[in-house]
Amino acid sequence: MIYGHEFETIHAVENKAVVTDIYAGRISASEILSVLKQKQVRYVFWGPRERKLGQAEFLINLEPVYKNESVEIFTW
């Protein structure tokens, strides 16, 4: 996990900035995959909060594994 709840995430401020940059499209798709690998993240959550940050075009490169009316989860 890169970022979850603020008080339950190690280095929360830095990791929140990384997640915000990812969803806002300020990091390239190749850089995103590098971050996911480095932090050993297997699933990416796409819900209402994430949608407010941007389009997250990198998700087209990931495989959807779950979807309901409000959230989607992807893997790579």
PDB file of N, CA and C in Angstrom:
ATOM      1  N   MET A   1       0.843  -1.164   0.000  1.00  0.00           N
ATOM      2  CA  MET A   1       0.000   0.000   0.000  1.00  0.00           C
ATOM      3  C   MET A   1       0.897   1.238   0.000  1.00  0.00           C
ATOM      4  N   ILE A   2       0.532   2.186  -0.830  1.00  0.00           N
ATOM      5  CA  ILE A   2       1.276   3.439  -0.841  1.00  0.00           C
ATOM      6  C   ILE A   2       0.661   4.405   0.157  1.00  0.00           C
ATOM      7  N   TYR A   3      -0.655   4.557   0.100  1.00  0.00           N
ATOM      8  CA  TYR A   3      -1.315   5.492   1.013  1.00  0.00           C
ATOM      9  C   TYR A   3      -2.715   4.984   1.316  1.00  0.00           C
ATOM     10  N   GLY A   4      -3.059   5.043   2.595  1.00  0.00           N
ATOM     11  CA  GLY A   4      -4.391   4.663   3.040  1.00  0.00           C
ATOM     12  C   GLY A   4      -4.897   5.724   3.986  1.00  0.00           C
ATOM     13  N   HIS A   5      -5.104   5.359   5.203  1.00  0.00           N
ATOM     14  CA  HIS A   5      -5.508   6.328   6.211  1.00  0.00           C
ATOM     15  C   HIS A   5      -4.269   7.063   6.706  1.00  0.00           C
ATOM     16  N   GLU A   6      -4.411   8.355   6.879  1.00  0.00           N
ATOM     17  CA  GLU A   6      -3.266   9.194   7.217  1.00  0.00           C
ATOM     18  C   GLU A   6      -2.483   8.704   8.432  1.00  0.00           C
ATOM     19  N   PHE A   7      -3.179   8.313   9.483  1.00  0.00           N
ATOM     20  CA  PHE A   7      -2.498   7.919  10.716  1.00  0.00           C
ATOM     21  C   PHE A   7      -2.067   6.455  10.709  1.00  0.00           C
ATOM     22  N   GLU A   8      -2.376   5.750   9.638  1.00  0.00           N
ATOM     23  CA  GLU A   8      -1.983   4.348   9.526  1.00  0.00           C
ATOM     24  C   GLU A   8      -0.996   4.118   8.391  1.00  0.00           C
ATOM     25  N   THR A   9      -0.522   5.188   7.774  1.00  0.00           N
ATOM     26  CA  THR A   9       0.382   5.088   6.641  1.00  0.00           C
ATOM     27  C   THR A   9       1.753   5.628   7.032  1.00  0.00           C
ATOM     28  N   ILE A  10       2.770   4.820   6.820  1.00  0.00           N
ATOM     29  CA  ILE A  10       4.142   5.257   7.060  1.00  0.00           C
ATOM     30  C   ILE A  10       4.488   6.331   6.034  1.00  0.00           C
ATOM     31  N   HIS A  11       5.138   7.399   6.476  1.00  0.00           N
ATOM     32  CA  HIS A  11       5.509   8.515   5.594  1.00  0.00           C
ATOM     33  C   HIS A  11       4.281   9.034   4.845  1.00  0.00           C
ATOM     34  N   ALA A  12       3.216   9.265   5.574  1.00  0.00           N
ATOM     35  CA  ALA A  12       1.922   9.620   4.987  1.00  0.00           C
ATOM     36  C   ALA A  12       1.985  10.854   4.088  1.00  0.00           C
ATOM     37  N   VAL A  13       2.651  11.887   4.504  1.00  0.00           N
ATOM     38  CA  VAL A  13       2.688  13.124   3.715  1.00  0.00           C
ATOM     39  C   VAL A  13       3.336  12.869   2.356  1.00  0.00           C
ATOM     40  N   GLU A  14       4.490  12.223   2.358  1.00  0.00           N
ATOM     41  CA  GLU A  14       5.197  11.942   1.108  1.00  0.00           C
ATOM     42  C   GLU A  14       4.405  10.991   0.221  1.00  0.00           C
ATOM     43  N   ASN A  15       3.849   9.940   0.826  1.00  0.00           N
ATOM     44  CA  ASN A  15       3.116   8.957   0.039  1.00  0.00           C
ATOM     45  C   ASN A  15       1.813   9.520  -0.510  1.00  0.00           C
ATOM     46  N   LYS A  16       1.160  10.397   0.236  1.00  0.00           N
ATOM     47  CA  LYS A  16      -0.054  11.033  -0.278  1.00  0.00           C
ATOM     48  C   LYS A  16       0.285  11.883  -1.499  1.00  0.00           C
ATOM     49  N   ALA A  17       1.419  12.568  -1.462  1.00  0.00           N
ATOM     50  CA  ALA A  17       1.847  13.376  -2.603  1.00  0.00           C
ATOM     51  C   ALA A  17       2.098  12.506  -3.835  1.00  0.00           C
ATOM     52  N   VAL A  18       2.714  11.348  -3.644  1.00  0.00           N
ATOM     53  CA  VAL A  18       2.968  10.427  -4.753  1.00  0.00           C
ATOM     54  C   VAL A  18       1.645   9.953  -5.347  1.00  0.00           C
ATOM     55  N   VAL A  19       0.718   9.551  -4.494  1.00  0.00           N
ATOM     56  CA  VAL A  19      -0.579   9.058  -4.966  1.00  0.00           C
ATOM     57  C   VAL A  19      -1.337  10.165  -5.696  1.00  0.00           C
ATOM     58  N   THR A  20      -1.307  11.363  -5.157  1.00  0.00           N
ATOM     59  CA  THR A  20      -1.973  12.489  -5.807  1.00  0.00           C
ATOM     60  C   THR A  20      -1.374  12.746  -7.181  1.00  0.00           C
ATOM     61  N   ASP A  21      -0.054  12.721  -7.287  1.00  0.00           N
ATOM     62  CA  ASP A  21       0.611  12.918  -8.576  1.00  0.00           C
ATOM     63  C   ASP A  21       0.253  11.820  -9.566  1.00  0.00           C
ATOM     64  N   ILE A  22       0.139  10.589  -9.087  1.00  0.00           N
ATOM     65  CA  ILE A  22      -0.226   9.473  -9.960  1.00  0.00           C
ATOM     66  C   ILE A  22      -1.623   9.691 -10.539  1.00  0.00           C
ATOM     67  N   TYR A  23      -2.595   9.914  -9.682  1.00  0.00           N
ATOM     68  CA  TYR A  23      -3.978  10.057 -10.149  1.00  0.00           C
ATOM     69  C   TYR A  23      -4.209  11.344 -10.931  1.00  0.00           C
ATOM     70  N   ALA A  24      -3.434  12.381 -10.649  1.00  0.00           N
ATOM     71  CA  ALA A  24      -3.587  13.645 -11.369  1.00  0.00           C
ATOM     72  C   ALA A  24      -2.876  13.640 -12.718  1.00  0.00           C
ATOM     73  N   GLY A  25      -2.148  12.563 -13.021  1.00  0.00           N
ATOM     74  CA  GLY A  25      -1.484  12.453 -14.307  1.00  0.00           C
ATOM     75  C   GLY A  25      -0.174  13.208 -14.399  1.00  0.00           C
ATOM     76  N   ARG A  26       0.419  13.514 -13.274  1.00  0.00           N
ATOM     77  CA  ARG A  26       1.690  14.242 -13.275  1.00  0.00           C
ATOM     78  C   ARG A  26       2.901  13.307 -13.344  1.00  0.00           C
ATOM     79  N   ILE A  27       2.647  12.013 -13.377  1.00  0.00           N
ATOM     80  CA  ILE A  27       3.714  11.008 -13.478  1.00  0.00           C
ATOM     81  C   ILE A  27       3.398  10.131 -14.686  1.00  0.00           C
ATOM     82  N   SER A  28       4.403   9.813 -15.481  1.00  0.00           N
ATOM     83  CA  SER A  28       4.188   8.993 -16.677  1.00  0.00           C
ATOM     84  C   SER A  28       3.803   7.563 -16.303  1.00  0.00           C
ATOM     85  N   ALA A  29       3.197   6.868 -17.256  1.00  0.00           N
ATOM     86  CA  ALA A  29       2.768   5.486 -17.026  1.00  0.00           C
ATOM     87  C   ALA A  29       3.942   4.590 -16.646  1.00  0.00           C
ATOM     88  N   SER A  30       5.088   4.776 -17.285  1.00  0.00           N
ATOM     89  CA  SER A  30       6.248   3.947 -16.957  1.00  0.00           C
ATOM     90  C   SER A  30       6.755   4.247 -15.547  1.00  0.00           C
ATOM     91  N   GLU A  31       6.721   5.514 -15.152  1.00  0.00           N
ATOM     92  CA  GLU A  31       7.128   5.874 -13.793  1.00  0.00           C
ATOM     93  C   GLU A  31       6.155   5.307 -12.766  1.00  0.00           C
ATOM     94  N   ILE A  32       4.881   5.312 -13.113  1.00  0.00           N
ATOM     95  CA  ILE A  32       3.870   4.755 -12.202  1.00  0.00           C
ATOM     96  C   ILE A  32       4.137   3.277 -11.969  1.00  0.00           C
ATOM     97  N   LEU A  33       4.384   2.529 -13.042  1.00  0.00           N
ATOM     98  CA  LEU A  33       4.677   1.100 -12.876  1.00  0.00           C
ATOM     99  C   LEU A  33       5.927   0.894 -12.038  1.00  0.00           C
ATOM    100  N   SER A  34       6.905   1.749 -12.210  1.00  0.00           N
ATOM    101  CA  SER A  34       8.122   1.660 -11.404  1.00  0.00           C
ATOM    102  C   SER A  34       7.807   1.874  -9.926  1.00  0.00           C
ATOM    103  N   VAL A  35       6.977   2.863  -9.613  1.00  0.00           N
ATOM    104  CA  VAL A  35       6.577   3.125  -8.223  1.00  0.00           C
ATOM    105  C   VAL A  35       5.804   1.934  -7.664  1.00  0.00           C
ATOM    106  N   LEU A  36       4.876   1.392  -8.451  1.00  0.00           N
ATOM    107  CA  LEU A  36       4.084   0.247  -7.989  1.00  0.00           C
ATOM    108  C   LEU A  36       4.980  -0.949  -7.684  1.00  0.00           C
ATOM    109  N   LYS A  37       5.948  -1.203  -8.555  1.00  0.00           N
ATOM    110  CA  LYS A  37       6.880  -2.306  -8.329  1.00  0.00           C
ATOM    111  C   LYS A  37       7.738  -2.059  -7.091  1.00  0.00           C
ATOM    112  N   GLN A  38       8.279  -0.852  -6.998  1.00  0.00           N
ATOM    113  CA  GLN A  38       9.162  -0.515  -5.876  1.00  0.00           C
ATOM    114  C   GLN A  38       8.437  -0.666  -4.544  1.00  0.00           C
ATOM    115  N   LYS A  39       7.189  -0.255  -4.492  1.00  0.00           N
ATOM    116  CA  LYS A  39       6.430  -0.305  -3.242  1.00  0.00           C
ATOM    117  C   LYS A  39       5.622  -1.598  -3.103  1.00  0.00           C
ATOM    118  N   GLN A  40       5.818  -2.510  -4.043  1.00  0.00           N
ATOM    119  CA  GLN A  40       5.183  -3.834  -4.038  1.00  0.00           C
ATOM    120  C   GLN A  40       3.653  -3.751  -3.979  1.00  0.00           C
ATOM    121  N   VAL A  41       3.113  -2.835  -4.777  1.00  0.00           N
ATOM    122  CA  VAL A  41       1.670  -2.656  -4.867  1.00  0.00           C
ATOM    123  C   VAL A  41       1.147  -3.536  -5.984  1.00  0.00           C
ATOM    124  N   ARG A  42       0.134  -4.341  -5.682  1.00  0.00           N
ATOM    125  CA  ARG A  42      -0.450  -5.222  -6.694  1.00  0.00           C
ATOM    126  C   ARG A  42      -1.823  -4.737  -7.173  1.00  0.00           C
ATOM    127  N   TYR A  43      -2.501  -3.930  -6.374  1.00  0.00           N
ATOM    128  CA  TYR A  43      -3.845  -3.486  -6.728  1.00  0.00           C
ATOM    129  C   TYR A  43      -3.944  -1.968  -6.655  1.00  0.00           C
ATOM    130  N   VAL A  44      -4.690  -1.399  -7.596  1.00  0.00           N
ATOM    131  CA  VAL A  44      -4.917   0.039  -7.646  1.00  0.00           C
ATOM    132  C   VAL A  44      -6.415   0.273  -7.505  1.00  0.00           C
ATOM    133  N   PHE A  45      -6.772   1.100  -6.546  1.00  0.00           N
ATOM    134  CA  PHE A  45      -8.162   1.429  -6.245  1.00  0.00           C
ATOM    135  C   PHE A  45      -8.556   2.700  -6.989  1.00  0.00           C
ATOM    136  N   TRP A  46      -9.724   2.700  -7.622  1.00  0.00           N
ATOM    137  CA  TRP A  46     -10.225   3.855  -8.365  1.00  0.00           C
ATOM    138  C   TRP A  46     -11.660   4.113  -7.921  1.00  0.00           C
ATOM    139  N   GLY A  47     -11.802   5.071  -7.025  1.00  0.00           N
ATOM    140  CA  GLY A  47     -13.111   5.396  -6.470  1.00  0.00           C
ATOM    141  C   GLY A  47     -13.409   6.879  -6.580  1.00  0.00           C
ATOM    142  N   PRO A  48     -14.430   7.342  -5.885  1.00  0.00           N
ATOM    143  CA  PRO A  48     -14.846   8.750  -5.985  1.00  0.00           C
ATOM    144  C   PRO A  48     -13.747   9.760  -5.647  1.00  0.00           C
ATOM    145  N   ARG A  49     -12.982   9.524  -4.618  1.00  0.00           N
ATOM    146  CA  ARG A  49     -11.908  10.469  -4.253  1.00  0.00           C
ATOM    147  C   ARG A  49     -10.832  10.532  -5.324  1.00  0.00           C
ATOM    148  N   GLU A  50     -10.481   9.374  -5.864  1.00  0.00           N
ATOM    149  CA  GLU A  50      -9.449   9.310  -6.892  1.00  0.00           C
ATOM    150  C   GLU A  50      -9.924  10.004  -8.175  1.00  0.00           C
ATOM    151  N   ARG A  51     -11.192   9.832  -8.504  1.00  0.00           N
ATOM    152  CA  ARG A  51     -11.743  10.474  -9.705  1.00  0.00           C
ATOM    153  C   ARG A  51     -11.672  11.997  -9.617  1.00  0.00           C
ATOM    154  N   LYS A  52     -11.781  12.539  -8.425  1.00  0.00           N
ATOM    155  CA  LYS A  52     -11.704  13.989  -8.255  1.00  0.00           C
ATOM    156  C   LYS A  52     -10.310  14.526  -8.571  1.00  0.00           C
ATOM    157  N   LEU A  53      -9.305  13.666  -8.519  1.00  0.00           N
ATOM    158  CA  LEU A  53      -7.925  14.100  -8.753  1.00  0.00           C
ATOM    159  C   LEU A  53      -7.564  14.183 -10.229  1.00  0.00           C
ATOM    160  N   GLY A  54      -8.252  13.418 -11.068  1.00  0.00           N
ATOM    161  CA  GLY A  54      -7.922  13.440 -12.487  1.00  0.00           C
ATOM    162  C   GLY A  54      -8.483  12.246 -13.220  1.00  0.00           C
ATOM    163  N   GLN A  55      -8.005  12.048 -14.424  1.00  0.00           N
ATOM    164  CA  GLN A  55      -8.507  10.987 -15.292  1.00  0.00           C
ATOM    165  C   GLN A  55      -7.793   9.652 -15.104  1.00  0.00           C
ATOM    166  N   ALA A  56      -6.595   9.664 -14.565  1.00  0.00           N
ATOM    167  CA  ALA A  56      -5.812   8.440 -14.327  1.00  0.00           C
ATOM    168  C   ALA A  56      -5.746   7.566 -15.575  1.00  0.00           C
ATOM    169  N   GLU A  57      -5.267   8.155 -16.650  1.00  0.00           N
ATOM    170  CA  GLU A  57      -5.197   7.437 -17.922  1.00  0.00           C
ATOM    171  C   GLU A  57      -4.314   6.200 -17.863  1.00  0.00           C
ATOM    172  N   PHE A  58      -3.426   6.125 -16.876  1.00  0.00           N
ATOM    173  CA  PHE A  58      -2.564   4.950 -16.743  1.00  0.00           C
ATOM    174  C   PHE A  58      -3.369   3.678 -16.488  1.00  0.00           C
ATOM    175  N   LEU A  59      -4.599   3.817 -16.011  1.00  0.00           N
ATOM    176  CA  LEU A  59      -5.414   2.640 -15.695  1.00  0.00           C
ATOM    177  C   LEU A  59      -5.726   1.791 -16.925  1.00  0.00           C
ATOM    178  N   ILE A  60      -5.680   2.378 -18.118  1.00  0.00           N
ATOM    179  CA  ILE A  60      -5.956   1.586 -19.326  1.00  0.00           C
ATOM    180  C   ILE A  60      -4.895   0.513 -19.538  1.00  0.00           C
ATOM    181  N   ASN A  61      -3.723   0.681 -18.913  1.00  0.00           N
ATOM    182  CA  ASN A  61      -2.648  -0.305 -19.015  1.00  0.00           C
ATOM    183  C   ASN A  61      -2.750  -1.405 -17.972  1.00  0.00           C
ATOM    184  N   LEU A  62      -3.733  -1.302 -17.079  1.00  0.00           N
ATOM    185  CA  LEU A  62      -3.900  -2.280 -16.003  1.00  0.00           C
ATOM    186  C   LEU A  62      -5.108  -3.164 -16.267  1.00  0.00           C
ATOM    187  N   GLU A  63      -5.145  -4.276 -15.590  1.00  0.00           N
ATOM    188  CA  GLU A  63      -6.223  -5.240 -15.756  1.00  0.00           C
ATOM    189  C   GLU A  63      -7.287  -5.036 -14.674  1.00  0.00           C
ATOM    190  N   PRO A  64      -8.553  -4.815 -15.074  1.00  0.00           N
ATOM    191  CA  PRO A  64      -9.605  -4.681 -14.065  1.00  0.00           C
ATOM    192  C   PRO A  64      -9.888  -6.025 -13.401  1.00  0.00           C
ATOM    193  N   VAL A  65     -10.038  -6.014 -12.074  1.00  0.00           N
ATOM    194  CA  VAL A  65     -10.339  -7.254 -11.351  1.00  0.00           C
ATOM    195  C   VAL A  65     -11.637  -7.164 -10.563  1.00  0.00           C
ATOM    196  N   TYR A  66     -12.139  -5.937 -10.385  1.00  0.00           N
ATOM    197  CA  TYR A  66     -13.404  -5.765  -9.651  1.00  0.00           C
ATOM    198  C   TYR A  66     -14.015  -4.429 -10.052  1.00  0.00           C
ATOM    199  N   LYS A  67     -15.364  -4.412 -10.117  1.00  0.00           N
ATOM    200  CA  LYS A  67     -16.059  -3.181 -10.428  1.00  0.00           C
ATOM    201  C   LYS A  67     -17.470  -3.241  -9.865  1.00  0.00           C
ATOM    202  N   ASN A  68     -17.879  -2.144  -9.229  1.00  0.00           N
ATOM    203  CA  ASN A  68     -19.283  -1.981  -8.867  1.00  0.00           C
ATOM    204  C   ASN A  68     -19.691  -0.573  -9.281  1.00  0.00           C
ATOM    205  N   GLU A  69     -20.809  -0.080  -8.779  1.00  0.00           N
ATOM    206  CA  GLU A  69     -21.310   1.222  -9.232  1.00  0.00           C
ATOM    207  C   GLU A  69     -20.428   2.406  -8.830  1.00  0.00           C
ATOM    208  N   SER A  70     -19.544   2.236  -7.864  1.00  0.00           N
ATOM    209  CA  SER A  70     -18.752   3.392  -7.438  1.00  0.00           C
ATOM    210  C   SER A  70     -17.239   3.189  -7.445  1.00  0.00           C
ATOM    211  N   VAL A  71     -16.763   1.964  -7.440  1.00  0.00           N
ATOM    212  CA  VAL A  71     -15.320   1.742  -7.403  1.00  0.00           C
ATOM    213  C   VAL A  71     -14.887   0.696  -8.423  1.00  0.00           C
ATOM    214  N   GLU A  72     -13.616   0.790  -8.791  1.00  0.00           N
ATOM    215  CA  GLU A  72     -12.981  -0.230  -9.621  1.00  0.00           C
ATOM    216  C   GLU A  72     -11.634  -0.553  -8.997  1.00  0.00           C
ATOM    217  N   ILE A  73     -11.216  -1.793  -9.137  1.00  0.00           N
ATOM    218  CA  ILE A  73      -9.901  -2.217  -8.660  1.00  0.00           C
ATOM    219  C   ILE A  73      -9.181  -2.857  -9.840  1.00  0.00           C
ATOM    220  N   PHE A  74      -7.909  -2.475  -9.979  1.00  0.00           N
ATOM    221  CA  PHE A  74      -7.086  -2.953 -11.094  1.00  0.00           C
ATOM    222  C   PHE A  74      -5.836  -3.639 -10.543  1.00  0.00           C
ATOM    223  N   THR A  75      -5.249  -4.485 -11.371  1.00  0.00           N
ATOM    224  CA  THR A  75      -3.949  -5.086 -11.074  1.00  0.00           C
ATOM    225  C   THR A  75      -3.083  -4.954 -12.311  1.00  0.00           C
ATOM    226  N   TRP A  76      -1.817  -5.245 -12.171  1.00  0.00           N
ATOM    227  CA  TRP A  76      -0.896  -5.164 -13.296  1.00  0.00           C
ATOM    228  C   TRP A  76      -0.060  -6.408 -13.399  1.00  0.00           C
TER     229      TRP A  76
END
